[in-house]
Amino acid sequence: MPMGGFAAAAPAAPAAPVEEEEAPPAAQEKTLFTLTLKSFDAAAKPKIIKEIKSMLGLSLVDSKKFVESAPKMMKEGVSKDESEKIIETLKGLGGVVTKD
């Protein structure tokens, strides 16, 4: 018996070859989007601030700072339906929102 009272372990069996996963097709439709407020019409600023306030749950002061710091990321991980709804709402108020 080797010194220390431990028997030598048998060598480990070689690992099975790792199968490569198939890459998803490039044409797969994206399901989650990031929305960015790019710009807005100056005359529509109060309406945009109110909408951002209700949409993001910010205070009035934070909503104003958010809108004034455009372009700024609004939401991440938004579904396609919800993103289209948000874009149309803000577009109707005079805002420009992009979907990435």
PDB file of N, CA and C in Angstrom:
ATOM      1  N   MET A   1       0.844  -1.177   0.000  1.00  0.00           N
ATOM      2  CA  MET A   1       0.000   0.000   0.000  1.00  0.00           C
ATOM      3  C   MET A   1       0.887   1.238   0.000  1.00  0.00           C
ATOM      4  N   PRO A   2       0.505   2.232  -0.859  1.00  0.00           N
ATOM      5  CA  PRO A   2       1.336   3.438  -0.918  1.00  0.00           C
ATOM      6  C   PRO A   2       1.280   4.195   0.404  1.00  0.00           C
ATOM      7  N   MET A   3       2.239   5.037   0.542  1.00  0.00           N
ATOM      8  CA  MET A   3       2.341   5.809   1.762  1.00  0.00           C
ATOM      9  C   MET A   3       1.111   6.703   1.929  1.00  0.00           C
ATOM     10  N   GLY A   4       0.580   6.819   3.083  1.00  0.00           N
ATOM     11  CA  GLY A   4      -0.607   7.607   3.328  1.00  0.00           C
ATOM     12  C   GLY A   4      -1.854   6.744   3.381  1.00  0.00           C
ATOM     13  N   GLY A   5      -1.777   5.479   3.021  1.00  0.00           N
ATOM     14  CA  GLY A   5      -2.882   4.566   3.149  1.00  0.00           C
ATOM     15  C   GLY A   5      -3.929   4.651   2.053  1.00  0.00           C
ATOM     16  N   PHE A   6      -3.653   5.327   0.958  1.00  0.00           N
ATOM     17  CA  PHE A   6      -4.625   5.429  -0.133  1.00  0.00           C
ATOM     18  C   PHE A   6      -4.153   4.591  -1.303  1.00  0.00           C
ATOM     19  N   ALA A   7      -5.053   3.847  -1.876  1.00  0.00           N
ATOM     20  CA  ALA A   7      -4.738   3.061  -3.064  1.00  0.00           C
ATOM     21  C   ALA A   7      -4.882   3.959  -4.280  1.00  0.00           C
ATOM     22  N   ALA A   8      -4.068   3.740  -5.275  1.00  0.00           N
ATOM     23  CA  ALA A   8      -4.132   4.545  -6.500  1.00  0.00           C
ATOM     24  C   ALA A   8      -5.414   4.222  -7.245  1.00  0.00           C
ATOM     25  N   ALA A   9      -6.090   5.249  -7.714  1.00  0.00           N
ATOM     26  CA  ALA A   9      -7.330   5.064  -8.466  1.00  0.00           C
ATOM     27  C   ALA A   9      -7.007   4.658  -9.885  1.00  0.00           C
ATOM     28  N   ALA A  10      -7.904   3.914 -10.478  1.00  0.00           N
ATOM     29  CA  ALA A  10      -7.717   3.515 -11.872  1.00  0.00           C
ATOM     30  C   ALA A  10      -7.848   4.758 -12.742  1.00  0.00           C
ATOM     31  N   PRO A  11      -7.104   4.800 -13.851  1.00  0.00           N
ATOM     32  CA  PRO A  11      -7.214   5.972 -14.716  1.00  0.00           C
ATOM     33  C   PRO A  11      -8.652   6.124 -15.232  1.00  0.00           C
ATOM     34  N   ALA A  12      -9.096   7.373 -15.342  1.00  0.00           N
ATOM     35  CA  ALA A  12     -10.454   7.655 -15.795  1.00  0.00           C
ATOM     36  C   ALA A  12     -10.611   7.281 -17.254  1.00  0.00           C
ATOM     37  N   ALA A  13     -11.797   6.801 -17.584  1.00  0.00           N
ATOM     38  CA  ALA A  13     -12.078   6.447 -18.975  1.00  0.00           C
ATOM     39  C   ALA A  13     -12.151   7.734 -19.794  1.00  0.00           C
ATOM     40  N   PRO A  14     -11.702   7.684 -21.044  1.00  0.00           N
ATOM     41  CA  PRO A  14     -11.773   8.903 -21.863  1.00  0.00           C
ATOM     42  C   PRO A  14     -13.228   9.351 -22.023  1.00  0.00           C
ATOM     43  N   ALA A  15     -13.422  10.670 -22.022  1.00  0.00           N
ATOM     44  CA  ALA A  15     -14.773  11.231 -22.151  1.00  0.00           C
ATOM     45  C   ALA A  15     -15.319  10.952 -23.536  1.00  0.00           C
ATOM     46  N   ALA A  16     -16.610  10.734 -23.592  1.00  0.00           N
ATOM     47  CA  ALA A  16     -17.252  10.500 -24.876  1.00  0.00           C
ATOM     48  C   ALA A  16     -17.154  11.780 -25.708  1.00  0.00           C
ATOM     49  N   PRO A  17     -16.989  11.656 -27.012  1.00  0.00           N
ATOM     50  CA  PRO A  17     -16.900  12.868 -27.836  1.00  0.00           C
ATOM     51  C   PRO A  17     -18.184  13.691 -27.716  1.00  0.00           C
ATOM     52  N   VAL A  18     -18.028  14.991 -27.609  1.00  0.00           N
ATOM     53  CA  VAL A  18     -19.163  15.887 -27.469  1.00  0.00           C
ATOM     54  C   VAL A  18     -19.764  16.133 -28.849  1.00  0.00           C
ATOM     55  N   GLU A  19     -21.070  15.887 -28.937  1.00  0.00           N
ATOM     56  CA  GLU A  19     -21.737  16.126 -30.211  1.00  0.00           C
ATOM     57  C   GLU A  19     -22.014  17.611 -30.345  1.00  0.00           C
ATOM     58  N   GLU A  20     -21.732  18.151 -31.509  1.00  0.00           N
ATOM     59  CA  GLU A  20     -21.987  19.565 -31.741  1.00  0.00           C
ATOM     60  C   GLU A  20     -23.483  19.773 -31.912  1.00  0.00           C
ATOM     61  N   GLU A  21     -23.976  20.821 -31.236  1.00  0.00           N
ATOM     62  CA  GLU A  21     -25.391  21.140 -31.372  1.00  0.00           C
ATOM     63  C   GLU A  21     -25.613  21.836 -32.707  1.00  0.00           C
ATOM     64  N   GLU A  22     -26.764  21.555 -33.283  1.00  0.00           N
ATOM     65  CA  GLU A  22     -27.075  22.202 -34.555  1.00  0.00           C
ATOM     66  C   GLU A  22     -27.379  23.677 -34.305  1.00  0.00           C
ATOM     67  N   ALA A  23     -26.818  24.524 -35.123  1.00  0.00           N
ATOM     68  CA  ALA A  23     -27.076  25.955 -34.997  1.00  0.00           C
ATOM     69  C   ALA A  23     -28.507  26.227 -35.429  1.00  0.00           C
ATOM     70  N   PRO A  24     -29.199  27.119 -34.702  1.00  0.00           N
ATOM     71  CA  PRO A  24     -30.567  27.430 -35.115  1.00  0.00           C
ATOM     72  C   PRO A  24     -30.557  28.088 -36.487  1.00  0.00           C
ATOM     73  N   PRO A  25     -31.584  27.864 -37.267  1.00  0.00           N
ATOM     74  CA  PRO A  25     -31.604  28.461 -38.610  1.00  0.00           C
ATOM     75  C   PRO A  25     -31.557  29.985 -38.529  1.00  0.00           C
ATOM     76  N   ALA A  26     -30.848  30.581 -39.451  1.00  0.00           N
ATOM     77  CA  ALA A  26     -30.661  32.029 -39.459  1.00  0.00           C
ATOM     78  C   ALA A  26     -31.976  32.766 -39.668  1.00  0.00           C
ATOM     79  N   ALA A  27     -32.942  32.109 -40.266  1.00  0.00           N
ATOM     80  CA  ALA A  27     -34.208  32.753 -40.574  1.00  0.00           C
ATOM     81  C   ALA A  27     -35.187  32.712 -39.400  1.00  0.00           C
ATOM     82  N   GLN A  28     -34.746  32.168 -38.258  1.00  0.00           N
ATOM     83  CA  GLN A  28     -35.632  32.074 -37.104  1.00  0.00           C
ATOM     84  C   GLN A  28     -36.052  33.469 -36.655  1.00  0.00           C
ATOM     85  N   GLU A  29     -37.326  33.636 -36.422  1.00  0.00           N
ATOM     86  CA  GLU A  29     -37.860  34.950 -36.069  1.00  0.00           C
ATOM     87  C   GLU A  29     -37.517  35.289 -34.624  1.00  0.00           C
ATOM     88  N   LYS A  30     -37.093  36.524 -34.432  1.00  0.00           N
ATOM     89  CA  LYS A  30     -36.753  37.008 -33.101  1.00  0.00           C
ATOM     90  C   LYS A  30     -38.049  37.217 -32.320  1.00  0.00           C
ATOM     91  N   THR A  31     -38.056  36.821 -31.035  1.00  0.00           N
ATOM     92  CA  THR A  31     -39.285  36.926 -30.251  1.00  0.00           C
ATOM     93  C   THR A  31     -39.227  37.995 -29.173  1.00  0.00           C
ATOM     94  N   LEU A  32     -38.033  38.360 -28.710  1.00  0.00           N
ATOM     95  CA  LEU A  32     -37.901  39.388 -27.680  1.00  0.00           C
ATOM     96  C   LEU A  32     -37.106  40.561 -28.224  1.00  0.00           C
ATOM     97  N   PHE A  33     -37.553  41.761 -27.908  1.00  0.00           N
ATOM     98  CA  PHE A  33     -36.955  42.955 -28.482  1.00  0.00           C
ATOM     99  C   PHE A  33     -36.563  43.960 -27.407  1.00  0.00           C
ATOM    100  N   THR A  34     -35.674  44.867 -27.779  1.00  0.00           N
ATOM    101  CA  THR A  34     -35.294  45.990 -26.933  1.00  0.00           C
ATOM    102  C   THR A  34     -35.823  47.250 -27.601  1.00  0.00           C
ATOM    103  N   LEU A  35     -36.556  48.048 -26.843  1.00  0.00           N
ATOM    104  CA  LEU A  35     -37.136  49.276 -27.381  1.00  0.00           C
ATOM    105  C   LEU A  35     -36.319  50.475 -26.929  1.00  0.00           C
ATOM    106  N   THR A  36     -36.040  51.376 -27.861  1.00  0.00           N
ATOM    107  CA  THR A  36     -35.249  52.571 -27.581  1.00  0.00           C
ATOM    108  C   THR A  36     -36.019  53.804 -28.040  1.00  0.00           C
ATOM    109  N   LEU A  37     -36.152  54.764 -27.139  1.00  0.00           N
ATOM    110  CA  LEU A  37     -36.747  56.051 -27.506  1.00  0.00           C
ATOM    111  C   LEU A  37     -35.653  56.856 -28.187  1.00  0.00           C
ATOM    112  N   LYS A  38     -35.782  57.081 -29.482  1.00  0.00           N
ATOM    113  CA  LYS A  38     -34.747  57.785 -30.250  1.00  0.00           C
ATOM    114  C   LYS A  38     -34.928  59.296 -30.197  1.00  0.00           C
ATOM    115  N   SER A  39     -36.131  59.770 -30.432  1.00  0.00           N
ATOM    116  CA  SER A  39     -36.386  61.207 -30.449  1.00  0.00           C
ATOM    117  C   SER A  39     -37.882  61.441 -30.295  1.00  0.00           C
ATOM    118  N   PHE A  40     -38.263  62.705 -30.223  1.00  0.00           N
ATOM    119  CA  PHE A  40     -39.672  63.058 -30.096  1.00  0.00           C
ATOM    120  C   PHE A  40     -39.886  64.466 -30.613  1.00  0.00           C
ATOM    121  N   ASP A  41     -41.122  64.751 -30.953  1.00  0.00           N
ATOM    122  CA  ASP A  41     -41.514  66.087 -31.402  1.00  0.00           C
ATOM    123  C   ASP A  41     -41.573  66.985 -30.167  1.00  0.00           C
ATOM    124  N   ALA A  42     -40.911  68.144 -30.219  1.00  0.00           N
ATOM    125  CA  ALA A  42     -40.845  69.046 -29.058  1.00  0.00           C
ATOM    126  C   ALA A  42     -42.226  69.453 -28.565  1.00  0.00           C
ATOM    127  N   ALA A  43     -43.166  69.622 -29.463  1.00  0.00           N
ATOM    128  CA  ALA A  43     -44.517  70.014 -29.068  1.00  0.00           C
ATOM    129  C   ALA A  43     -45.237  68.895 -28.323  1.00  0.00           C
ATOM    130  N   ALA A  44     -44.793  67.655 -28.541  1.00  0.00           N
ATOM    131  CA  ALA A  44     -45.447  66.500 -27.921  1.00  0.00           C
ATOM    132  C   ALA A  44     -44.746  66.059 -26.633  1.00  0.00           C
ATOM    133  N   LYS A  45     -43.755  66.804 -26.203  1.00  0.00           N
ATOM    134  CA  LYS A  45     -42.959  66.401 -25.042  1.00  0.00           C
ATOM    135  C   LYS A  45     -43.806  66.086 -23.804  1.00  0.00           C
ATOM    136  N   PRO A  46     -44.770  66.924 -23.399  1.00  0.00           N
ATOM    137  CA  PRO A  46     -45.571  66.592 -22.209  1.00  0.00           C
ATOM    138  C   PRO A  46     -46.337  65.269 -22.344  1.00  0.00           C
ATOM    139  N   LYS A  47     -46.871  65.001 -23.536  1.00  0.00           N
ATOM    140  CA  LYS A  47     -47.602  63.747 -23.767  1.00  0.00           C
ATOM    141  C   LYS A  47     -46.663  62.547 -23.690  1.00  0.00           C
ATOM    142  N   ILE A  48     -45.468  62.693 -24.260  1.00  0.00           N
ATOM    143  CA  ILE A  48     -44.477  61.611 -24.232  1.00  0.00           C
ATOM    144  C   ILE A  48     -44.060  61.343 -22.788  1.00  0.00           C
ATOM    145  N   ILE A  49     -43.831  62.396 -22.019  1.00  0.00           N
ATOM    146  CA  ILE A  49     -43.434  62.237 -20.610  1.00  0.00           C
ATOM    147  C   ILE A  49     -44.518  61.482 -19.842  1.00  0.00           C
ATOM    148  N   LYS A  50     -45.782  61.836 -20.034  1.00  0.00           N
ATOM    149  CA  LYS A  50     -46.883  61.158 -19.344  1.00  0.00           C
ATOM    150  C   LYS A  50     -46.960  59.685 -19.734  1.00  0.00           C
ATOM    151  N   GLU A  51     -46.774  59.407 -21.006  1.00  0.00           N
ATOM    152  CA  GLU A  51     -46.840  58.017 -21.467  1.00  0.00           C
ATOM    153  C   GLU A  51     -45.675  57.202 -20.906  1.00  0.00           C
ATOM    154  N   ILE A  52     -44.467  57.764 -20.915  1.00  0.00           N
ATOM    155  CA  ILE A  52     -43.298  57.081 -20.351  1.00  0.00           C
ATOM    156  C   ILE A  52     -43.510  56.836 -18.856  1.00  0.00           C
ATOM    157  N   LYS A  53     -44.084  57.817 -18.181  1.00  0.00           N
ATOM    158  CA  LYS A  53     -44.351  57.703 -16.744  1.00  0.00           C
ATOM    159  C   LYS A  53     -45.260  56.504 -16.462  1.00  0.00           C
ATOM    160  N   SER A  54     -46.343  56.389 -17.212  1.00  0.00           N
ATOM    161  CA  SER A  54     -47.269  55.284 -16.984  1.00  0.00           C
ATOM    162  C   SER A  54     -46.696  53.948 -17.470  1.00  0.00           C
ATOM    163  N   MET A  55     -45.930  53.971 -18.552  1.00  0.00           N
ATOM    164  CA  MET A  55     -45.380  52.755 -19.133  1.00  0.00           C
ATOM    165  C   MET A  55     -44.277  52.142 -18.268  1.00  0.00           C
ATOM    166  N   LEU A  56     -43.383  52.992 -17.759  1.00  0.00           N
ATOM    167  CA  LEU A  56     -42.220  52.494 -17.026  1.00  0.00           C
ATOM    168  C   LEU A  56     -42.371  52.593 -15.514  1.00  0.00           C
ATOM    169  N   GLY A  57     -43.432  53.258 -15.051  1.00  0.00           N
ATOM    170  CA  GLY A  57     -43.642  53.370 -13.622  1.00  0.00           C
ATOM    171  C   GLY A  57     -42.668  54.312 -12.933  1.00  0.00           C
ATOM    172  N   LEU A  58     -42.197  55.313 -13.652  1.00  0.00           N
ATOM    173  CA  LEU A  58     -41.271  56.286 -13.088  1.00  0.00           C
ATOM    174  C   LEU A  58     -42.037  57.464 -12.496  1.00  0.00           C
ATOM    175  N   SER A  59     -41.331  58.240 -11.650  1.00  0.00           N
ATOM    176  CA  SER A  59     -41.944  59.475 -11.148  1.00  0.00           C
ATOM    177  C   SER A  59     -41.975  60.494 -12.286  1.00  0.00           C
ATOM    178  N   LEU A  60     -42.701  61.567 -12.100  1.00  0.00           N
ATOM    179  CA  LEU A  60     -42.801  62.592 -13.138  1.00  0.00           C
ATOM    180  C   LEU A  60     -41.424  63.194 -13.442  1.00  0.00           C
ATOM    181  N   VAL A  61     -40.655  63.473 -12.389  1.00  0.00           N
ATOM    182  CA  VAL A  61     -39.318  64.055 -12.567  1.00  0.00           C
ATOM    183  C   VAL A  61     -38.407  63.082 -13.323  1.00  0.00           C
ATOM    184  N   ASP A  62     -38.439  61.793 -12.919  1.00  0.00           N
ATOM    185  CA  ASP A  62     -37.602  60.801 -13.599  1.00  0.00           C
ATOM    186  C   ASP A  62     -38.040  60.592 -15.042  1.00  0.00           C
ATOM    187  N   SER A  63     -39.341  60.648 -15.283  1.00  0.00           N
ATOM    188  CA  SER A  63     -39.849  60.506 -16.655  1.00  0.00           C
ATOM    189  C   SER A  63     -39.379  61.662 -17.528  1.00  0.00           C
ATOM    190  N   LYS A  64     -39.391  62.862 -16.970  1.00  0.00           N
ATOM    191  CA  LYS A  64     -38.937  64.044 -17.709  1.00  0.00           C
ATOM    192  C   LYS A  64     -37.450  63.913 -18.047  1.00  0.00           C
ATOM    193  N   LYS A  65     -36.646  63.496 -17.070  1.00  0.00           N
ATOM    194  CA  LYS A  65     -35.204  63.308 -17.306  1.00  0.00           C
ATOM    195  C   LYS A  65     -34.973  62.215 -18.342  1.00  0.00           C
ATOM    196  N   PHE A  66     -35.763  61.145 -18.258  1.00  0.00           N
ATOM    197  CA  PHE A  66     -35.645  60.042 -19.208  1.00  0.00           C
ATOM    198  C   PHE A  66     -35.893  60.527 -20.629  1.00  0.00           C
ATOM    199  N   VAL A  67     -36.987  61.248 -20.835  1.00  0.00           N
ATOM    200  CA  VAL A  67     -37.356  61.734 -22.172  1.00  0.00           C
ATOM    201  C   VAL A  67     -36.321  62.731 -22.680  1.00  0.00           C
ATOM    202  N   GLU A  68     -35.852  63.614 -21.815  1.00  0.00           N
ATOM    203  CA  GLU A  68     -34.874  64.618 -22.233  1.00  0.00           C
ATOM    204  C   GLU A  68     -33.510  64.010 -22.562  1.00  0.00           C
ATOM    205  N   SER A  69     -33.243  62.812 -22.067  1.00  0.00           N
ATOM    206  CA  SER A  69     -31.948  62.174 -22.351  1.00  0.00           C
ATOM    207  C   SER A  69     -32.004  61.250 -23.569  1.00  0.00           C
ATOM    208  N   ALA A  70     -33.083  61.339 -24.366  1.00  0.00           N
ATOM    209  CA  ALA A  70     -33.215  60.510 -25.570  1.00  0.00           C
ATOM    210  C   ALA A  70     -32.052  60.792 -26.517  1.00  0.00           C
ATOM    211  N   PRO A  71     -31.515  59.821 -27.199  1.00  0.00           N
ATOM    212  CA  PRO A  71     -31.970  58.438 -27.312  1.00  0.00           C
ATOM    213  C   PRO A  71     -31.592  57.620 -26.072  1.00  0.00           C
ATOM    214  N   LYS A  72     -32.544  56.810 -25.621  1.00  0.00           N
ATOM    215  CA  LYS A  72     -32.349  56.015 -24.420  1.00  0.00           C
ATOM    216  C   LYS A  72     -33.169  54.732 -24.506  1.00  0.00           C
ATOM    217  N   MET A  73     -32.581  53.619 -24.002  1.00  0.00           N
ATOM    218  CA  MET A  73     -33.244  52.330 -24.005  1.00  0.00           C
ATOM    219  C   MET A  73     -34.422  52.364 -23.030  1.00  0.00           C
ATOM    220  N   MET A  74     -35.595  51.951 -23.511  1.00  0.00           N
ATOM    221  CA  MET A  74     -36.803  51.972 -22.688  1.00  0.00           C
ATOM    222  C   MET A  74     -37.047  50.652 -21.986  1.00  0.00           C
ATOM    223  N   LYS A  75     -37.116  49.585 -22.766  1.00  0.00           N
ATOM    224  CA  LYS A  75     -37.448  48.268 -22.224  1.00  0.00           C
ATOM    225  C   LYS A  75     -36.645  47.198 -22.933  1.00  0.00           C
ATOM    226  N   GLU A  76     -36.332  46.118 -22.199  1.00  0.00           N
ATOM    227  CA  GLU A  76     -35.650  44.956 -22.771  1.00  0.00           C
ATOM    228  C   GLU A  76     -36.556  43.743 -22.644  1.00  0.00           C
ATOM    229  N   GLY A  77     -36.377  42.785 -23.526  1.00  0.00           N
ATOM    230  CA  GLY A  77     -37.127  41.544 -23.456  1.00  0.00           C
ATOM    231  C   GLY A  77     -38.622  41.712 -23.654  1.00  0.00           C
ATOM    232  N   VAL A  78     -38.998  42.551 -24.588  1.00  0.00           N
ATOM    233  CA  VAL A  78     -40.405  42.840 -24.848  1.00  0.00           C
ATOM    234  C   VAL A  78     -40.888  41.938 -25.988  1.00  0.00           C
ATOM    235  N   SER A  79     -42.073  41.374 -25.833  1.00  0.00           N
ATOM    236  CA  SER A  79     -42.625  40.515 -26.879  1.00  0.00           C
ATOM    237  C   SER A  79     -42.944  41.342 -28.122  1.00  0.00           C
ATOM    238  N   LYS A  80     -43.115  40.647 -29.233  1.00  0.00           N
ATOM    239  CA  LYS A  80     -43.374  41.328 -30.500  1.00  0.00           C
ATOM    240  C   LYS A  80     -44.683  42.127 -30.441  1.00  0.00           C
ATOM    241  N   ASP A  81     -45.731  41.510 -29.900  1.00  0.00           N
ATOM    242  CA  ASP A  81     -47.031  42.193 -29.831  1.00  0.00           C
ATOM    243  C   ASP A  81     -46.959  43.439 -28.960  1.00  0.00           C
ATOM    244  N   GLU A  82     -46.344  43.294 -27.783  1.00  0.00           N
ATOM    245  CA  GLU A  82     -46.240  44.434 -26.870  1.00  0.00           C
ATOM    246  C   GLU A  82     -45.370  45.535 -27.466  1.00  0.00           C
ATOM    247  N   SER A  83     -44.281  45.145 -28.135  1.00  0.00           N
ATOM    248  CA  SER A  83     -43.402  46.153 -28.725  1.00  0.00           C
ATOM    249  C   SER A  83     -44.122  46.942 -29.814  1.00  0.00           C
ATOM    250  N   GLU A  84     -44.908  46.259 -30.645  1.00  0.00           N
ATOM    251  CA  GLU A  84     -45.665  46.945 -31.691  1.00  0.00           C
ATOM    252  C   GLU A  84     -46.670  47.926 -31.088  1.00  0.00           C
ATOM    253  N   LYS A  85     -47.309  47.513 -30.007  1.00  0.00           N
ATOM    254  CA  LYS A  85     -48.293  48.367 -29.332  1.00  0.00           C
ATOM    255  C   LYS A  85     -47.624  49.629 -28.775  1.00  0.00           C
ATOM    256  N   ILE A  86     -46.472  49.463 -28.126  1.00  0.00           N
ATOM    257  CA  ILE A  86     -45.742  50.599 -27.551  1.00  0.00           C
ATOM    258  C   ILE A  86     -45.273  51.548 -28.647  1.00  0.00           C
ATOM    259  N   ILE A  87     -44.732  50.984 -29.723  1.00  0.00           N
ATOM    260  CA  ILE A  87     -44.239  51.802 -30.835  1.00  0.00           C
ATOM    261  C   ILE A  87     -45.380  52.621 -31.433  1.00  0.00           C
ATOM    262  N   GLU A  88     -46.524  51.995 -31.671  1.00  0.00           N
ATOM    263  CA  GLU A  88     -47.665  52.708 -32.250  1.00  0.00           C
ATOM    264  C   GLU A  88     -48.179  53.801 -31.321  1.00  0.00           C
ATOM    265  N   THR A  89     -48.223  53.513 -30.016  1.00  0.00           N
ATOM    266  CA  THR A  89     -48.696  54.507 -29.047  1.00  0.00           C
ATOM    267  C   THR A  89     -47.804  55.739 -29.062  1.00  0.00           C
ATOM    268  N   LEU A  90     -46.497  55.525 -28.950  1.00  0.00           N
ATOM    269  CA  LEU A  90     -45.571  56.661 -28.906  1.00  0.00           C
ATOM    270  C   LEU A  90     -45.474  57.373 -30.258  1.00  0.00           C
ATOM    271  N   LYS A  91     -45.609  56.616 -31.333  1.00  0.00           N
ATOM    272  CA  LYS A  91     -45.594  57.222 -32.665  1.00  0.00           C
ATOM    273  C   LYS A  91     -46.791  58.153 -32.825  1.00  0.00           C
ATOM    274  N   GLY A  92     -47.934  57.733 -32.307  1.00  0.00           N
ATOM    275  CA  GLY A  92     -49.130  58.555 -32.363  1.00  0.00           C
ATOM    276  C   GLY A  92     -48.997  59.838 -31.561  1.00  0.00           C
ATOM    277  N   LEU A  93     -48.157  59.803 -30.537  1.00  0.00           N
ATOM    278  CA  LEU A  93     -47.935  60.990 -29.699  1.00  0.00           C
ATOM    279  C   LEU A  93     -46.829  61.893 -30.235  1.00  0.00           C
ATOM    280  N   GLY A  94     -46.045  61.405 -31.187  1.00  0.00           N
ATOM    281  CA  GLY A  94     -44.964  62.206 -31.756  1.00  0.00           C
ATOM    282  C   GLY A  94     -43.578  61.719 -31.404  1.00  0.00           C
ATOM    283  N   GLY A  95     -43.472  60.504 -30.873  1.00  0.00           N
ATOM    284  CA  GLY A  95     -42.166  59.942 -30.521  1.00  0.00           C
ATOM    285  C   GLY A  95     -41.660  58.995 -31.589  1.00  0.00           C
ATOM    286  N   VAL A  96     -40.343  58.789 -31.599  1.00  0.00           N
ATOM    287  CA  VAL A  96     -39.727  57.839 -32.517  1.00  0.00           C
ATOM    288  C   VAL A  96     -39.083  56.756 -31.666  1.00  0.00           C
ATOM    289  N   VAL A  97     -39.568  55.523 -31.818  1.00  0.00           N
ATOM    290  CA  VAL A  97     -39.075  54.379 -31.049  1.00  0.00           C
ATOM    291  C   VAL A  97     -38.551  53.342 -32.027  1.00  0.00           C
ATOM    292  N   THR A  98     -37.389  52.775 -31.717  1.00  0.00           N
ATOM    293  CA  THR A  98     -36.839  51.709 -32.552  1.00  0.00           C
ATOM    294  C   THR A  98     -36.875  50.400 -31.787  1.00  0.00           C
ATOM    295  N   LYS A  99     -36.930  49.334 -32.564  1.00  0.00           N
ATOM    296  CA  LYS A  99     -37.000  47.976 -32.011  1.00  0.00           C
ATOM    297  C   LYS A  99     -35.774  47.228 -32.480  1.00  0.00           C
ATOM    298  N   ASP A 100     -34.973  46.754 -31.542  1.00  0.00           N
ATOM    299  CA  ASP A 100     -33.753  45.989 -31.884  1.00  0.00           C
ATOM    300  C   ASP A 100     -33.916  44.551 -31.473  1.00  0.00           C
TER     301      ASP A 100
END
